[in-house]
Amino acid sequence: MRPPIHAMRVLVFVAAALSMAAASGQPAPGMHRIAFVNIGDAAPNAVNVAAFRRGLADLGYTEGRNIEIDFAWGGQNEAAMPRVVDDVLRRQPKIIVSTGGPVTIRAVKAATTTVPVVFITGDPLAEKLVDSYATPGHNLTGLAVLAGDLDAKRLELLTQIAPKAKRIAMIWNPAQQRIDEIMRNVDTAAARLQVTLLRHPARNRKELSETLAAIAGTRPDALLVVADPMLGFEREQIVAYARSQRLPGVYFWREFAELGGLASYGTNLASVYRRAATYVDRILKGARPMDVPVEQPATFDLVINRTAARELGITIPPILLLRADEVLP
């Protein structure tokens, strides 16, 4: 039985609309196109991307049915970010999800004042990305992880886990915007804890390899890695080095502990990326970014790796095991 003439006309109209959308690079009717932009690489971000996708799925978004995600990666090349963002904007996304720290967000902010932006970064207020947490202003809103605010606390945890460590190698990125403030806090903690910090700068992947080679010559007792997106992307190399040198370390992302690092303390990034999906949903439903408050983390996770402790011959204090949010076997 043939469909009525009016139904056939509807089908022809829909087919034509889909064909025109495909030809123009635009999403089909009912499809929301969003862009996901990060200065890093895809592989180190796979877990977080999966969490973001789960968050969208929880809210009723299915890729290929009502949402389309364009991924754009900067390959840790800061100079390339303006071009990466321009390529993204040519595809006319409804929303840009900007992660990987302030370098990515600044490139997006400089390129558009109209496309809504949902960001994930350390401290957007200190990084001068928003007017305030309550009313971010402009076309941006998102979530803060406050990673750099916890480096002094991580140093304290390191001295509790490894009390014999007095000379601590510290890897830090001098290019980070808030680094002076972070270093003052860490130096104050080091003086109080009576430990010596051996500073080793690393601005990029190449410098990190040179830095790791130089650290061995200083014969440190432990390792502290100051929170930074680039250093987080290179976590496999850092943890492998620490294990080869038998250096206890407390890190800023749980993924370091999962790779074999001794412990981590900080925001659960996967949960933050999953929460970012709710911001996308609110904006797609009509909210203005400037009116959506920036979310700050309410809790920080302490993750301890028992296997790493055994390899290092370290006995984790019972009080820390009780405080830990997760103890990996």
Protein backbone atom coordinates (compact mmCIF):
# COMPACT_ATOMS: atom_id res chain seq x y z
CA MET A 1 0.00 0.00 0.00
CA ARG A 2 1.45 3.34 -1.09
CA PRO A 3 1.60 6.19 1.47
CA PRO A 4 -0.71 9.18 0.90
CA ILE A 5 0.54 11.97 -1.36
CA HIS A 6 1.02 14.38 1.58
CA ALA A 7 3.15 11.80 3.44
CA MET A 8 5.30 11.32 0.34
CA ARG A 9 5.83 15.09 0.17
CA VAL A 10 6.99 15.11 3.80
CA LEU A 11 9.42 12.29 3.09
CA VAL A 12 10.77 14.09 0.05
CA PHE A 13 11.18 17.30 2.09
CA VAL A 14 13.05 15.50 4.88
CA ALA A 15 15.30 13.69 2.41
CA ALA A 16 16.07 16.98 0.68
CA ALA A 17 16.86 18.66 4.02
CA LEU A 18 19.19 15.84 5.01
CA SER A 19 20.91 15.98 1.62
CA MET A 20 21.37 19.77 1.83
CA ALA A 21 22.73 19.49 5.38
CA ALA A 22 25.24 16.86 4.35
CA ALA A 23 26.36 18.91 1.34
CA SER A 24 26.82 22.08 3.38
CA GLY A 25 28.59 20.38 6.28
CA GLN A 26 25.72 21.29 8.60
CA PRO A 27 24.12 18.79 10.98
CA ALA A 28 20.75 17.35 9.99
CA PRO A 29 17.59 18.90 11.46
CA GLY A 30 17.29 18.00 15.15
CA MET A 31 21.03 17.29 15.38
CA HIS A 32 23.15 19.40 17.74
CA ARG A 33 26.76 19.88 16.69
CA ILE A 34 29.25 20.57 19.46
CA ALA A 35 33.01 20.88 19.26
CA PHE A 36 35.44 19.42 21.79
CA VAL A 37 38.77 21.29 21.74
CA ASN A 38 41.87 20.34 23.74
CA ILE A 39 45.51 21.39 23.45
CA GLY A 40 46.67 17.83 24.15
CA ASP A 41 46.34 14.52 22.32
CA ALA A 42 43.48 12.06 22.09
CA ALA A 43 45.08 9.07 23.84
CA PRO A 44 45.83 10.67 27.26
CA ASN A 45 42.31 12.10 27.31
CA ALA A 46 40.42 8.93 26.36
CA VAL A 47 39.07 8.23 29.86
CA ASN A 48 37.79 11.77 30.29
CA VAL A 49 36.23 11.86 26.82
CA ALA A 50 34.44 8.60 27.60
CA ALA A 51 33.10 10.14 30.83
CA PHE A 52 31.87 13.19 28.91
CA ARG A 53 30.09 10.95 26.42
CA ARG A 54 28.47 8.99 29.27
CA GLY A 55 27.25 12.25 30.75
CA LEU A 56 25.63 13.20 27.44
CA ALA A 57 24.06 9.75 27.12
CA ASP A 58 22.62 10.04 30.63
CA LEU A 59 20.85 13.22 29.50
CA GLY A 60 19.33 11.61 26.41
CA TYR A 61 21.90 12.55 23.78
CA THR A 62 22.92 9.87 21.30
CA GLU A 63 25.74 10.49 18.86
CA GLY A 64 24.52 10.19 15.31
CA ARG A 65 20.89 10.66 16.34
CA ASN A 66 20.58 14.02 18.09
CA ILE A 67 24.16 15.11 18.76
CA GLU A 68 27.40 15.24 16.82
CA ILE A 69 30.81 15.84 18.41
CA ASP A 70 33.75 17.25 16.46
CA PHE A 71 37.04 16.59 18.23
CA ALA A 72 40.02 18.90 17.70
CA TRP A 73 43.41 18.22 19.30
CA GLY A 74 46.33 20.64 19.46
CA GLY A 75 49.07 18.05 19.94
CA GLN A 76 50.53 20.13 22.82
CA ASN A 77 51.43 22.82 20.30
CA GLU A 78 50.40 26.16 21.81
CA ALA A 79 51.15 28.05 18.60
CA ALA A 80 48.77 25.82 16.66
CA MET A 81 45.72 26.50 18.83
CA PRO A 82 44.39 29.58 16.94
CA ARG A 83 44.37 27.55 13.70
CA VAL A 84 42.75 24.58 15.44
CA VAL A 85 39.99 26.83 16.80
CA ASP A 86 39.45 28.55 13.44
CA ASP A 87 38.97 25.13 11.82
CA VAL A 88 36.42 24.26 14.50
CA LEU A 89 34.45 27.48 14.03
CA ARG A 90 34.18 26.94 10.29
CA ARG A 91 31.96 23.93 11.07
CA GLN A 92 29.61 26.23 13.01
CA PRO A 93 29.15 24.31 16.26
CA LYS A 94 26.35 25.26 18.64
CA ILE A 95 28.69 24.91 21.62
CA ILE A 96 32.45 24.56 22.11
CA VAL A 97 33.69 22.41 24.99
CA SER A 98 37.17 23.73 25.75
CA THR A 99 39.45 21.64 27.97
CA GLY A 100 43.16 21.25 28.60
CA GLY A 101 43.75 24.47 30.51
CA PRO A 102 43.79 28.23 29.90
CA VAL A 103 45.82 28.10 26.67
CA THR A 104 42.97 26.32 24.91
CA ILE A 105 40.29 28.52 26.43
CA ARG A 106 42.08 31.76 25.56
CA ALA A 107 42.39 30.67 21.94
CA VAL A 108 38.65 29.95 21.86
CA LYS A 109 37.79 33.18 23.69
CA ALA A 110 39.86 35.24 21.25
CA ALA A 111 38.19 33.61 18.25
CA THR A 112 34.51 33.97 19.16
CA THR A 113 32.31 36.10 21.38
CA THR A 114 29.08 34.49 20.22
CA VAL A 115 29.44 30.70 20.29
CA PRO A 116 28.76 29.43 23.85
CA VAL A 117 31.81 27.88 25.51
CA VAL A 118 31.84 25.27 28.28
CA PHE A 119 35.32 25.02 29.79
CA ILE A 120 37.22 22.82 32.20
CA THR A 121 40.27 24.49 33.72
CA GLY A 122 42.20 25.01 36.95
CA ASP A 123 40.99 28.33 38.34
CA PRO A 124 39.17 30.43 35.71
CA LEU A 125 38.98 33.48 37.97
CA ALA A 126 42.71 33.54 38.74
CA GLU A 127 43.38 32.82 35.08
CA LYS A 128 41.29 35.90 34.20
CA LEU A 129 38.90 33.96 32.02
CA VAL A 130 35.68 34.96 33.80
CA ASP A 131 34.32 37.97 35.70
CA SER A 132 33.32 35.89 38.71
CA TYR A 133 32.31 32.37 39.63
CA ALA A 134 28.68 33.39 40.15
CA THR A 135 28.32 35.36 36.92
CA PRO A 136 31.12 34.39 34.54
CA GLY A 137 30.03 36.89 31.87
CA HIS A 138 30.78 36.85 28.14
CA ASN A 139 30.03 33.59 26.32
CA LEU A 140 31.84 31.30 28.77
CA THR A 141 31.01 29.11 31.73
CA GLY A 142 32.18 25.75 32.99
CA LEU A 143 33.94 23.89 35.74
CA ALA A 144 37.06 24.57 37.83
CA VAL A 145 39.29 21.76 39.09
CA LEU A 146 41.53 23.95 41.32
CA ALA A 147 44.47 21.58 40.75
CA GLY A 148 47.20 24.13 41.45
CA ASP A 149 45.69 25.13 44.79
CA LEU A 150 46.53 21.69 46.21
CA ASP A 151 50.24 21.37 45.43
CA ALA A 152 51.28 22.44 48.95
CA LYS A 153 48.90 19.82 50.37
CA ARG A 154 50.39 17.18 48.07
CA LEU A 155 53.85 18.02 49.40
CA GLU A 156 52.55 17.56 52.94
CA LEU A 157 51.02 14.19 52.04
CA LEU A 158 54.30 13.13 50.45
CA THR A 159 56.20 13.83 53.66
CA GLN A 160 53.59 11.87 55.63
CA ILE A 161 53.88 8.85 53.33
CA ALA A 162 57.68 9.06 53.02
CA PRO A 163 58.89 10.83 56.20
CA LYS A 164 62.55 10.12 55.43
CA ALA A 165 62.38 12.12 52.21
CA LYS A 166 64.23 15.40 52.76
CA ARG A 167 65.41 16.23 49.23
CA ILE A 168 62.43 16.36 46.89
CA ALA A 169 62.74 16.81 43.15
CA MET A 170 59.98 19.10 41.89
CA ILE A 171 58.92 19.23 38.24
CA TRP A 172 57.10 22.43 37.32
CA ASN A 173 56.05 24.34 34.21
CA PRO A 174 57.37 27.95 34.32
CA ALA A 175 54.95 28.90 31.52
CA GLN A 176 51.90 28.27 33.68
CA GLN A 177 50.11 31.56 34.37
CA ARG A 178 49.67 31.11 38.15
CA ILE A 179 53.06 29.52 38.72
CA ASP A 180 54.47 32.33 40.91
CA GLU A 181 51.57 32.06 43.33
CA ILE A 182 51.75 28.27 43.34
CA MET A 183 55.49 28.29 43.97
CA ARG A 184 55.11 30.69 46.90
CA ASN A 185 52.60 28.31 48.50
CA VAL A 186 54.80 25.27 47.90
CA ASP A 187 57.91 27.06 49.20
CA THR A 188 56.05 28.05 52.37
CA ALA A 189 54.99 24.44 52.89
CA ALA A 190 58.52 23.17 52.24
CA ALA A 191 59.95 25.52 54.88
CA ARG A 192 57.34 24.40 57.40
CA LEU A 193 57.97 20.72 56.62
CA GLN A 194 61.77 21.22 56.65
CA VAL A 195 62.39 19.69 53.23
CA THR A 196 64.53 20.92 50.35
CA LEU A 197 62.94 21.35 46.94
CA LEU A 198 65.13 20.68 43.89
CA ARG A 199 63.43 22.63 41.09
CA HIS A 200 63.39 21.14 37.60
CA PRO A 201 61.47 23.17 34.97
CA ALA A 202 59.73 21.64 31.94
CA ARG A 203 57.68 23.71 29.50
CA ASN A 204 56.98 20.98 26.97
CA ARG A 205 57.50 17.30 26.15
CA LYS A 206 61.10 17.79 24.95
CA GLU A 207 62.12 19.74 28.06
CA LEU A 208 60.46 17.13 30.27
CA SER A 209 62.65 14.38 28.81
CA GLU A 210 65.74 16.51 29.45
CA THR A 211 64.54 17.30 32.97
CA LEU A 212 63.97 13.65 33.87
CA ALA A 213 67.48 12.85 32.69
CA ALA A 214 68.86 15.65 34.88
CA ILE A 215 66.95 14.69 38.03
CA ALA A 216 68.85 11.44 38.54
CA GLY A 217 72.08 13.39 38.99
CA THR A 218 70.65 15.30 41.96
CA ARG A 219 69.89 12.09 43.91
CA PRO A 220 66.50 13.14 45.33
CA ASP A 221 64.54 11.15 47.92
CA ALA A 222 61.10 11.73 46.37
CA LEU A 223 59.26 13.44 43.51
CA LEU A 224 56.61 16.17 43.43
CA VAL A 225 54.97 17.12 40.11
CA VAL A 226 53.25 20.51 40.20
CA ALA A 227 49.77 20.36 38.66
CA ASP A 228 49.82 21.32 34.99
CA PRO A 229 47.94 20.02 31.91
CA MET A 230 51.10 19.33 29.90
CA LEU A 231 52.66 17.36 32.75
CA GLY A 232 49.40 15.50 33.18
CA PHE A 233 49.41 14.49 29.50
CA GLU A 234 52.93 13.06 30.01
CA ARG A 235 51.99 11.01 33.08
CA GLU A 236 53.09 7.66 31.60
CA GLN A 237 56.62 8.93 31.06
CA ILE A 238 56.77 10.54 34.51
CA VAL A 239 55.47 7.49 36.41
CA ALA A 240 57.73 5.12 34.47
CA TYR A 241 60.71 7.33 35.39
CA ALA A 242 59.73 7.54 39.07
CA ARG A 243 59.39 3.76 39.26
CA SER A 244 62.73 3.21 37.54
CA GLN A 245 64.40 5.55 40.06
CA ARG A 246 62.39 4.20 43.01
CA LEU A 247 61.08 7.66 43.84
CA PRO A 248 57.90 7.96 45.90
CA GLY A 249 55.60 10.65 44.56
CA VAL A 250 52.21 12.23 45.16
CA TYR A 251 50.52 13.40 41.97
CA PHE A 252 47.57 15.60 40.98
CA TRP A 253 45.46 13.21 38.85
CA ARG A 254 44.28 9.75 39.91
CA GLU A 255 45.52 8.42 36.55
CA PHE A 256 49.09 8.74 37.88
CA ALA A 257 48.24 6.31 40.70
CA GLU A 258 46.46 4.00 38.29
CA LEU A 259 49.64 3.84 36.20
CA GLY A 260 51.71 2.82 39.22
CA GLY A 261 52.41 6.13 40.96
CA LEU A 262 52.41 5.97 44.75
CA ALA A 263 49.47 8.30 45.41
CA SER A 264 47.37 11.11 43.99
CA TYR A 265 45.31 13.88 45.53
CA GLY A 266 42.95 16.10 43.60
CA THR A 267 39.73 16.49 41.71
CA ASN A 268 38.33 13.40 40.00
CA LEU A 269 38.68 14.56 36.41
CA ALA A 270 36.38 11.92 34.94
CA SER A 271 33.54 13.10 37.17
CA VAL A 272 34.21 16.72 36.14
CA TYR A 273 34.05 15.82 32.44
CA ARG A 274 30.83 13.94 33.07
CA ARG A 275 29.41 17.01 34.81
CA ALA A 276 30.41 19.15 31.82
CA ALA A 277 27.69 17.36 29.86
CA THR A 278 25.07 18.98 32.13
CA TYR A 279 26.39 22.41 31.13
CA VAL A 280 26.09 21.49 27.47
CA ASP A 281 22.52 20.34 28.10
CA ARG A 282 21.55 23.56 29.90
CA ILE A 283 22.88 25.73 27.10
CA LEU A 284 21.22 23.63 24.39
CA LYS A 285 17.98 24.16 26.29
CA GLY A 286 18.37 27.92 26.22
CA ALA A 287 20.55 28.98 29.17
CA ARG A 288 23.04 31.79 28.55
CA PRO A 289 26.64 30.91 29.55
CA MET A 290 27.10 34.29 31.24
CA ASP A 291 24.27 33.43 33.65
CA VAL A 292 25.39 29.88 34.53
CA PRO A 293 27.70 29.87 37.60
CA VAL A 294 31.09 28.19 37.34
CA GLU A 295 31.13 24.97 39.33
CA GLN A 296 33.91 24.37 41.86
CA PRO A 297 34.84 20.93 43.21
CA ALA A 298 33.28 20.06 46.55
CA THR A 299 35.62 17.16 47.31
CA PHE A 300 39.12 15.98 46.46
CA ASP A 301 40.10 12.32 46.15
CA LEU A 302 43.08 10.70 47.83
CA VAL A 303 44.09 7.56 45.91
CA ILE A 304 46.85 5.28 47.20
CA ASN A 305 48.52 2.48 45.25
CA ARG A 306 49.47 -0.40 47.59
CA THR A 307 51.55 -2.18 44.94
CA ALA A 308 53.66 0.93 44.42
CA ALA A 309 54.15 1.24 48.18
CA ARG A 310 55.30 -2.38 48.42
CA GLU A 311 57.73 -1.89 45.50
CA LEU A 312 59.22 1.10 47.32
CA GLY A 313 59.31 -0.65 50.69
CA ILE A 314 56.98 1.97 52.16
CA THR A 315 54.39 1.32 54.83
CA ILE A 316 51.46 3.68 54.35
CA PRO A 317 50.39 5.22 57.69
CA PRO A 318 47.07 3.69 58.80
CA ILE A 319 45.54 7.14 59.21
CA LEU A 320 46.10 7.84 55.50
CA LEU A 321 44.66 4.47 54.50
CA LEU A 322 41.53 5.36 56.48
CA ARG A 323 41.34 8.80 54.86
CA ALA A 324 41.88 7.47 51.35
CA ASP A 325 38.93 7.57 48.99
CA GLU A 326 40.37 4.58 47.17
CA VAL A 327 43.20 2.16 47.84
CA LEU A 328 44.37 0.38 44.70
CA PRO A 329 45.54 -3.22 45.28
